[in-house]
Amino acid sequence: MENAMNTAIYAILIAFVANIVLVPMLIPPLTRFKIGQFVRDDGPSGHIKKTGTPTMGGIMIIISFFLAAMVFMRDNPEAMAIVMATVGFGIIGFIDDYLKVSKQRSLGLRAYQKFIAQIAISIAFVLYWRTLDSYATTLLIPFFPGLELNLGFFYPIFACFIFLGATNGANLTDGLDGMAAGVTALIATFFLFAAWIHGSPTMPVIGAAIGSLLGFLWFNSHPAKIFMGDTGSLALGGFVAAIALILRMPLFLVIVAIIYVIESLSVIIQVGYFRITGGKRFFKMAPIHHTFELSGWPETKVVAFFCVITAMACLLGFLAMQGL
């Protein structure tokens, strides 16, 4: 177990250093080719100044993650499955970002196009994972040691739902400098210790994700020099969903990824309320982090608040895991 944690730490260090080295190499060409952020006119006024900030930095999150993970992926099919999901969803995000940048608009892929692509990657993950000995249709239930939920035939459908929820939740969380990276790094840290407790071989690839996110935060924290774009946020959501499924802990996402859940629910509530009331808004703006901004909170305070909530939720997750 000690060697496994040491390996994970090596992966963290490799991915971190790779990001520190590679991201500064990416920013100049992104700036030169005007691959910058497109900011909505109806968003918080403080975001207008972010227009043109280099985006698609998720490319380096994926590359550094992949480089570190590759070192430890030999005879580790579970790690391979996680990498496949992360890169697969990252490619969807890359296409989405490319369309936004090339057409200079906030809309990339159509909703149905993104949905079909996400379902395709989710199904590919499940089909590959079913070939492994670790495949199981049972889920661990938070706070109930010894009790498991067997989804049987419905498991693949449930897995697709988890991927859709996690990727869209991560995407919505990526709205402020450093927030998606900070929140997801905390979630990944929770799963690192969960993998350690369960003796899972996925620890190195989780470490690679943590190191990559910490390295990217060096440049993405306020004021951000580069944004991850959908390339990064969808990849992160794919990673979180994949590791949760392999550890049989997707139900724990309701706890540890509570920010993903809140951000997603705020959009659902806003859209539903808008349609039901004929144009009225439930929140000042959705996702909900913009409501905090419009209420006078500085961006850095919102990010810190959401990260603190995630850290406390991860501690609650550890309590929920006792005895499992």
Protein backbone atom coordinates (compact mmCIF):
# COMPACT_ATOMS: atom_id res chain seq x y z
CA MET A 1 0.00 0.00 0.00
CA GLU A 2 2.88 2.35 0.80
CA ASN A 3 4.46 1.67 -2.59
CA ALA A 4 1.13 2.40 -4.28
CA MET A 5 0.90 5.80 -2.61
CA ASN A 6 4.52 6.54 -3.49
CA THR A 7 3.73 5.74 -7.12
CA ALA A 8 0.75 8.09 -7.02
CA ILE A 9 2.97 10.86 -5.62
CA TYR A 10 5.47 10.32 -8.43
CA ALA A 11 2.61 10.65 -10.92
CA ILE A 12 1.49 13.89 -9.25
CA LEU A 13 5.00 15.33 -9.51
CA ILE A 14 5.48 14.27 -13.15
CA ALA A 15 2.15 15.74 -14.26
CA PHE A 16 2.71 18.93 -12.26
CA VAL A 17 6.16 19.57 -13.74
CA ALA A 18 4.91 18.73 -17.24
CA ASN A 19 2.20 21.37 -16.94
CA ILE A 20 4.56 23.98 -15.52
CA VAL A 21 6.86 23.42 -18.51
CA LEU A 22 4.28 23.00 -21.27
CA VAL A 23 1.61 25.62 -20.53
CA PRO A 24 3.97 28.62 -21.04
CA MET A 25 4.84 27.08 -24.41
CA LEU A 26 1.16 26.98 -25.39
CA ILE A 27 0.11 30.49 -24.41
CA PRO A 28 2.13 32.42 -27.08
CA PRO A 29 0.79 30.46 -30.11
CA LEU A 30 -2.76 30.64 -28.75
CA THR A 31 -2.36 34.41 -28.43
CA ARG A 32 -0.74 34.72 -31.87
CA PHE A 33 -3.54 32.83 -33.60
CA LYS A 34 -6.18 34.67 -31.54
CA ILE A 35 -7.54 31.51 -29.95
CA GLY A 36 -9.16 33.46 -27.16
CA GLN A 37 -12.16 33.28 -24.88
CA PHE A 38 -15.52 34.46 -26.22
CA VAL A 39 -17.43 36.17 -23.38
CA ARG A 40 -21.22 36.50 -23.34
CA ASP A 41 -22.52 40.08 -23.43
CA ASP A 42 -25.22 39.26 -20.87
CA GLY A 43 -22.76 37.96 -18.27
CA PRO A 44 -21.24 39.81 -15.31
CA SER A 45 -19.61 43.02 -16.50
CA GLY A 46 -16.33 42.08 -14.86
CA HIS A 47 -15.94 39.22 -17.32
CA ILE A 48 -15.77 41.44 -20.40
CA LYS A 49 -12.07 42.08 -19.75
CA LYS A 50 -11.47 38.34 -20.08
CA THR A 51 -12.36 38.45 -23.77
CA GLY A 52 -9.44 37.21 -25.82
CA THR A 53 -7.68 35.40 -22.95
CA PRO A 54 -6.13 32.25 -24.47
CA THR A 55 -8.41 29.25 -24.15
CA MET A 56 -8.24 25.51 -24.93
CA GLY A 57 -5.63 25.14 -22.19
CA GLY A 58 -7.28 21.83 -21.45
CA ILE A 59 -5.00 20.47 -24.16
CA MET A 60 -2.10 20.71 -21.72
CA ILE A 61 -4.14 19.28 -18.86
CA ILE A 62 -4.77 16.22 -21.02
CA ILE A 63 -1.20 15.96 -22.35
CA SER A 64 0.45 16.23 -18.93
CA PHE A 65 -2.12 13.83 -17.48
CA PHE A 66 -1.50 11.37 -20.32
CA LEU A 67 2.30 11.58 -20.06
CA ALA A 68 2.28 10.91 -16.32
CA ALA A 69 -0.33 8.16 -16.58
CA MET A 70 1.53 6.37 -19.39
CA VAL A 71 4.50 5.79 -17.12
CA PHE A 72 2.36 3.66 -14.82
CA MET A 73 -0.22 2.12 -17.19
CA ARG A 74 1.62 -1.09 -18.00
CA ASP A 75 -0.55 -4.09 -17.10
CA ASN A 76 -3.11 -1.68 -15.65
CA PRO A 77 -6.30 -1.93 -17.75
CA GLU A 78 -8.38 0.02 -15.23
CA ALA A 79 -6.02 2.97 -15.61
CA MET A 80 -6.28 2.59 -19.38
CA ALA A 81 -10.07 2.79 -19.15
CA ILE A 82 -9.87 6.02 -17.18
CA VAL A 83 -7.40 7.56 -19.62
CA MET A 84 -9.60 6.55 -22.57
CA ALA A 85 -12.63 8.24 -21.01
CA THR A 86 -10.70 11.38 -20.10
CA VAL A 87 -9.13 11.79 -23.54
CA GLY A 88 -12.37 10.85 -25.31
CA PHE A 89 -14.41 13.54 -23.59
CA GLY A 90 -11.51 15.94 -24.02
CA ILE A 91 -11.71 15.44 -27.79
CA ILE A 92 -15.41 16.33 -27.71
CA GLY A 93 -14.52 19.49 -25.79
CA PHE A 94 -11.73 20.31 -28.24
CA ILE A 95 -14.11 20.14 -31.19
CA ASP A 96 -16.58 22.32 -29.28
CA ASP A 97 -13.87 24.88 -28.47
CA TYR A 98 -12.58 24.90 -32.04
CA LEU A 99 -16.01 25.67 -33.44
CA LYS A 100 -16.49 28.49 -30.94
CA VAL A 101 -13.13 30.05 -31.75
CA SER A 102 -13.37 29.61 -35.53
CA LYS A 103 -16.89 31.04 -35.70
CA GLN A 104 -16.37 33.63 -32.93
CA ARG A 105 -19.49 32.69 -31.01
CA SER A 106 -20.41 31.16 -27.66
CA LEU A 107 -22.06 28.14 -29.33
CA GLY A 108 -19.87 25.28 -30.53
CA LEU A 109 -21.37 21.87 -31.04
CA ARG A 110 -25.16 21.70 -31.11
CA ALA A 111 -26.71 20.21 -27.98
CA TYR A 112 -27.77 17.04 -29.80
CA GLN A 113 -24.33 16.63 -31.37
CA LYS A 114 -22.61 16.89 -28.00
CA PHE A 115 -25.15 14.51 -26.46
CA ILE A 116 -24.60 11.85 -29.13
CA ALA A 117 -20.81 12.14 -28.80
CA GLN A 118 -20.97 11.89 -25.00
CA ILE A 119 -23.20 8.81 -25.16
CA ALA A 120 -20.83 7.21 -27.69
CA ILE A 121 -17.78 7.68 -25.42
CA SER A 122 -19.77 6.45 -22.41
CA ILE A 123 -20.83 3.28 -24.22
CA ALA A 124 -17.25 2.68 -25.43
CA PHE A 125 -16.03 2.95 -21.82
CA VAL A 126 -18.62 0.46 -20.55
CA LEU A 127 -17.92 -2.01 -23.37
CA TYR A 128 -14.20 -1.91 -22.66
CA TRP A 129 -14.66 -2.14 -18.91
CA ARG A 130 -16.93 -5.18 -19.30
CA THR A 131 -13.94 -7.09 -20.67
CA LEU A 132 -12.05 -6.60 -17.39
CA ASP A 133 -12.22 -8.73 -14.26
CA SER A 134 -12.99 -5.62 -12.17
CA TYR A 135 -16.30 -4.96 -13.95
CA ALA A 136 -19.25 -5.00 -11.57
CA THR A 137 -22.84 -3.79 -11.68
CA THR A 138 -23.00 -3.21 -7.92
CA LEU A 139 -22.68 0.20 -6.27
CA LEU A 140 -21.39 1.06 -2.82
CA ILE A 141 -23.94 3.02 -0.80
CA PRO A 142 -22.72 5.98 1.31
CA PHE A 143 -23.10 5.54 5.09
CA PHE A 144 -24.31 1.94 4.71
CA PRO A 145 -21.32 -0.44 4.98
CA GLY A 146 -22.04 -3.94 3.77
CA LEU A 147 -25.04 -2.80 1.74
CA GLU A 148 -24.76 -2.68 -2.07
CA LEU A 149 -27.10 -1.79 -4.90
CA ASN A 150 -27.04 -4.13 -7.90
CA LEU A 151 -28.28 -2.46 -11.09
CA GLY A 152 -27.80 -5.54 -13.24
CA PHE A 153 -29.10 -5.02 -16.77
CA PHE A 154 -29.64 -1.27 -16.19
CA TYR A 155 -26.02 -0.59 -15.24
CA PRO A 156 -24.84 0.62 -18.70
CA ILE A 157 -27.71 3.12 -18.82
CA PHE A 158 -26.81 4.32 -15.34
CA ALA A 159 -23.15 4.66 -16.34
CA CYS A 160 -24.10 6.85 -19.31
CA PHE A 161 -26.16 9.03 -16.96
CA ILE A 162 -23.17 9.43 -14.64
CA PHE A 163 -20.93 10.47 -17.52
CA LEU A 164 -23.48 12.99 -18.78
CA GLY A 165 -24.00 14.41 -15.30
CA ALA A 166 -20.32 14.67 -14.41
CA THR A 167 -19.18 16.17 -17.74
CA ASN A 168 -21.94 18.75 -17.84
CA GLY A 169 -21.47 19.54 -14.15
CA ALA A 170 -17.74 20.10 -14.64
CA ASN A 171 -18.46 22.19 -17.73
CA LEU A 172 -20.85 24.46 -15.83
CA THR A 173 -18.40 24.77 -12.93
CA ASP A 174 -15.76 26.10 -15.32
CA GLY A 175 -16.96 29.71 -15.19
CA LEU A 176 -14.50 31.47 -12.90
CA ASP A 177 -10.70 31.59 -12.74
CA GLY A 178 -9.38 28.43 -11.13
CA MET A 179 -12.74 27.10 -9.96
CA ALA A 180 -13.16 23.96 -12.07
CA ALA A 181 -9.51 23.01 -11.60
CA GLY A 182 -9.58 23.65 -7.84
CA VAL A 183 -12.86 21.87 -7.20
CA THR A 184 -11.91 18.87 -9.35
CA ALA A 185 -8.46 18.58 -7.75
CA LEU A 186 -10.18 18.19 -4.38
CA ILE A 187 -12.60 15.60 -5.76
CA ALA A 188 -9.69 13.69 -7.31
CA THR A 189 -7.84 13.77 -3.97
CA PHE A 190 -10.85 12.17 -2.30
CA PHE A 191 -10.84 9.37 -4.87
CA LEU A 192 -7.07 8.94 -4.49
CA PHE A 193 -7.52 8.05 -0.82
CA ALA A 194 -10.60 5.97 -1.64
CA ALA A 195 -8.53 3.99 -4.16
CA TRP A 196 -5.77 3.60 -1.55
CA ILE A 197 -8.22 2.25 1.02
CA HIS A 198 -9.71 -0.20 -1.50
CA GLY A 199 -6.33 -1.27 -2.87
CA SER A 200 -7.27 -0.14 -6.39
CA PRO A 201 -4.59 -0.07 -9.13
CA THR A 202 -6.00 3.28 -10.32
CA MET A 203 -3.96 5.35 -7.86
CA PRO A 204 -1.23 6.45 -10.32
CA VAL A 205 -3.70 7.73 -12.90
CA ILE A 206 -5.61 9.64 -10.20
CA GLY A 207 -2.32 11.13 -9.09
CA ALA A 208 -1.62 12.16 -12.68
CA ALA A 209 -4.91 14.06 -12.75
CA ILE A 210 -4.19 15.81 -9.46
CA GLY A 211 -0.71 16.88 -10.56
CA SER A 212 -1.99 18.12 -13.89
CA LEU A 213 -4.70 20.21 -12.24
CA LEU A 214 -2.33 21.70 -9.67
CA GLY A 215 0.11 22.62 -12.42
CA PHE A 216 -2.63 24.20 -14.52
CA LEU A 217 -3.88 26.18 -11.52
CA TRP A 218 -0.53 27.95 -11.49
CA PHE A 219 -1.63 29.74 -14.67
CA ASN A 220 -5.42 29.50 -14.32
CA SER A 221 -5.85 31.10 -10.89
CA HIS A 222 -7.05 34.70 -10.79
CA PRO A 223 -6.22 36.60 -12.92
CA ALA A 224 -6.10 33.69 -15.34
CA LYS A 225 -3.45 33.71 -18.04
CA ILE A 226 -5.20 30.83 -19.82
CA PHE A 227 -8.55 29.04 -19.65
CA MET A 228 -9.09 25.29 -19.95
CA GLY A 229 -12.14 25.63 -22.21
CA ASP A 230 -14.49 22.74 -22.87
CA THR A 231 -11.42 20.72 -23.83
CA GLY A 232 -10.46 20.67 -20.18
CA SER A 233 -13.82 20.72 -18.42
CA LEU A 234 -15.32 17.83 -20.37
CA ALA A 235 -12.12 15.82 -19.91
CA LEU A 236 -12.28 16.43 -16.16
CA GLY A 237 -15.91 15.37 -16.00
CA GLY A 238 -15.06 12.22 -17.93
CA PHE A 239 -12.22 11.47 -15.53
CA VAL A 240 -14.37 11.96 -12.42
CA ALA A 241 -17.17 9.76 -13.80
CA ALA A 242 -14.76 7.01 -14.90
CA ILE A 243 -12.93 6.74 -11.58
CA ALA A 244 -16.19 6.85 -9.62
CA LEU A 245 -17.61 4.00 -11.72
CA ILE A 246 -14.50 1.83 -11.49
CA LEU A 247 -14.36 2.25 -7.71
CA ARG A 248 -18.11 1.48 -7.60
CA MET A 249 -18.67 4.87 -5.95
CA PRO A 250 -20.80 6.96 -8.34
CA LEU A 251 -23.38 7.54 -5.58
CA PHE A 252 -20.63 9.35 -3.65
CA LEU A 253 -20.55 12.01 -6.37
CA VAL A 254 -23.72 13.50 -4.90
CA ILE A 255 -21.60 14.26 -1.83
CA VAL A 256 -18.05 15.00 -2.99
CA ALA A 257 -19.02 16.62 -6.31
CA ILE A 258 -21.77 18.69 -4.68
CA ILE A 259 -20.62 21.79 -6.58
CA TYR A 260 -21.16 19.99 -9.89
CA VAL A 261 -24.64 19.07 -8.65
CA ILE A 262 -25.51 22.58 -7.43
CA GLU A 263 -24.28 24.23 -10.63
CA SER A 264 -26.31 21.81 -12.76
CA LEU A 265 -29.44 22.14 -10.65
CA SER A 266 -29.24 25.94 -10.77
CA VAL A 267 -29.36 25.84 -14.57
CA ILE A 268 -32.22 23.32 -14.60
CA ILE A 269 -34.21 25.41 -12.11
CA GLN A 270 -33.50 28.64 -13.98
CA VAL A 271 -34.58 27.25 -17.35
CA GLY A 272 -37.65 25.51 -15.94
CA TYR A 273 -38.78 28.55 -13.96
CA PHE A 274 -38.20 30.81 -16.96
CA ARG A 275 -40.46 28.68 -19.13
CA ILE A 276 -43.17 28.13 -16.53
CA THR A 277 -43.45 31.81 -15.58
CA GLY A 278 -43.14 33.15 -19.11
CA GLY A 279 -39.79 34.88 -18.76
CA LYS A 280 -39.09 35.38 -15.05
CA ARG A 281 -35.79 34.32 -13.51
CA PHE A 282 -35.38 32.33 -10.30
CA PHE A 283 -31.71 33.32 -9.89
CA LYS A 284 -30.08 36.55 -10.96
CA MET A 285 -28.08 34.43 -13.38
CA ALA A 286 -27.24 30.77 -13.87
CA PRO A 287 -25.01 28.87 -13.29
CA ILE A 288 -25.29 29.96 -9.68
CA HIS A 289 -21.70 31.20 -9.31
CA HIS A 290 -22.72 34.18 -11.47
CA THR A 291 -25.53 34.97 -9.01
CA PHE A 292 -22.93 35.32 -6.26
CA GLU A 293 -20.93 37.66 -8.50
CA LEU A 294 -23.97 39.78 -9.33
CA SER A 295 -24.69 39.95 -5.59
CA GLY A 296 -21.37 41.72 -5.10
CA TRP A 297 -19.01 38.87 -4.25
CA PRO A 298 -15.49 39.18 -5.75
CA GLU A 299 -14.63 36.34 -8.12
CA THR A 300 -11.83 35.11 -5.86
CA LYS A 301 -14.23 34.86 -2.90
CA VAL A 302 -16.72 32.79 -4.90
CA VAL A 303 -13.97 30.38 -6.00
CA ALA A 304 -12.62 30.06 -2.46
CA PHE A 305 -16.14 29.49 -1.09
CA PHE A 306 -16.89 26.74 -3.61
CA CYS A 307 -13.54 25.05 -2.95
CA VAL A 308 -14.16 25.14 0.81
CA ILE A 309 -17.59 23.57 0.28
CA THR A 310 -15.96 20.84 -1.83
CA ALA A 311 -13.27 20.20 0.79
CA MET A 312 -15.89 19.83 3.53
CA ALA A 313 -17.99 17.61 1.26
CA CYS A 314 -14.97 15.36 0.68
CA LEU A 315 -14.50 15.03 4.45
CA LEU A 316 -18.16 14.03 4.67
CA GLY A 317 -17.45 11.56 1.88
CA PHE A 318 -14.73 9.95 4.00
CA LEU A 319 -17.21 9.52 6.83
CA ALA A 320 -19.69 8.02 4.37
CA MET A 321 -17.01 5.56 3.30
CA GLN A 322 -16.25 4.21 6.76
CA GLY A 323 -16.61 0.44 6.87
CA LEU A 324 -17.08 0.01 3.11
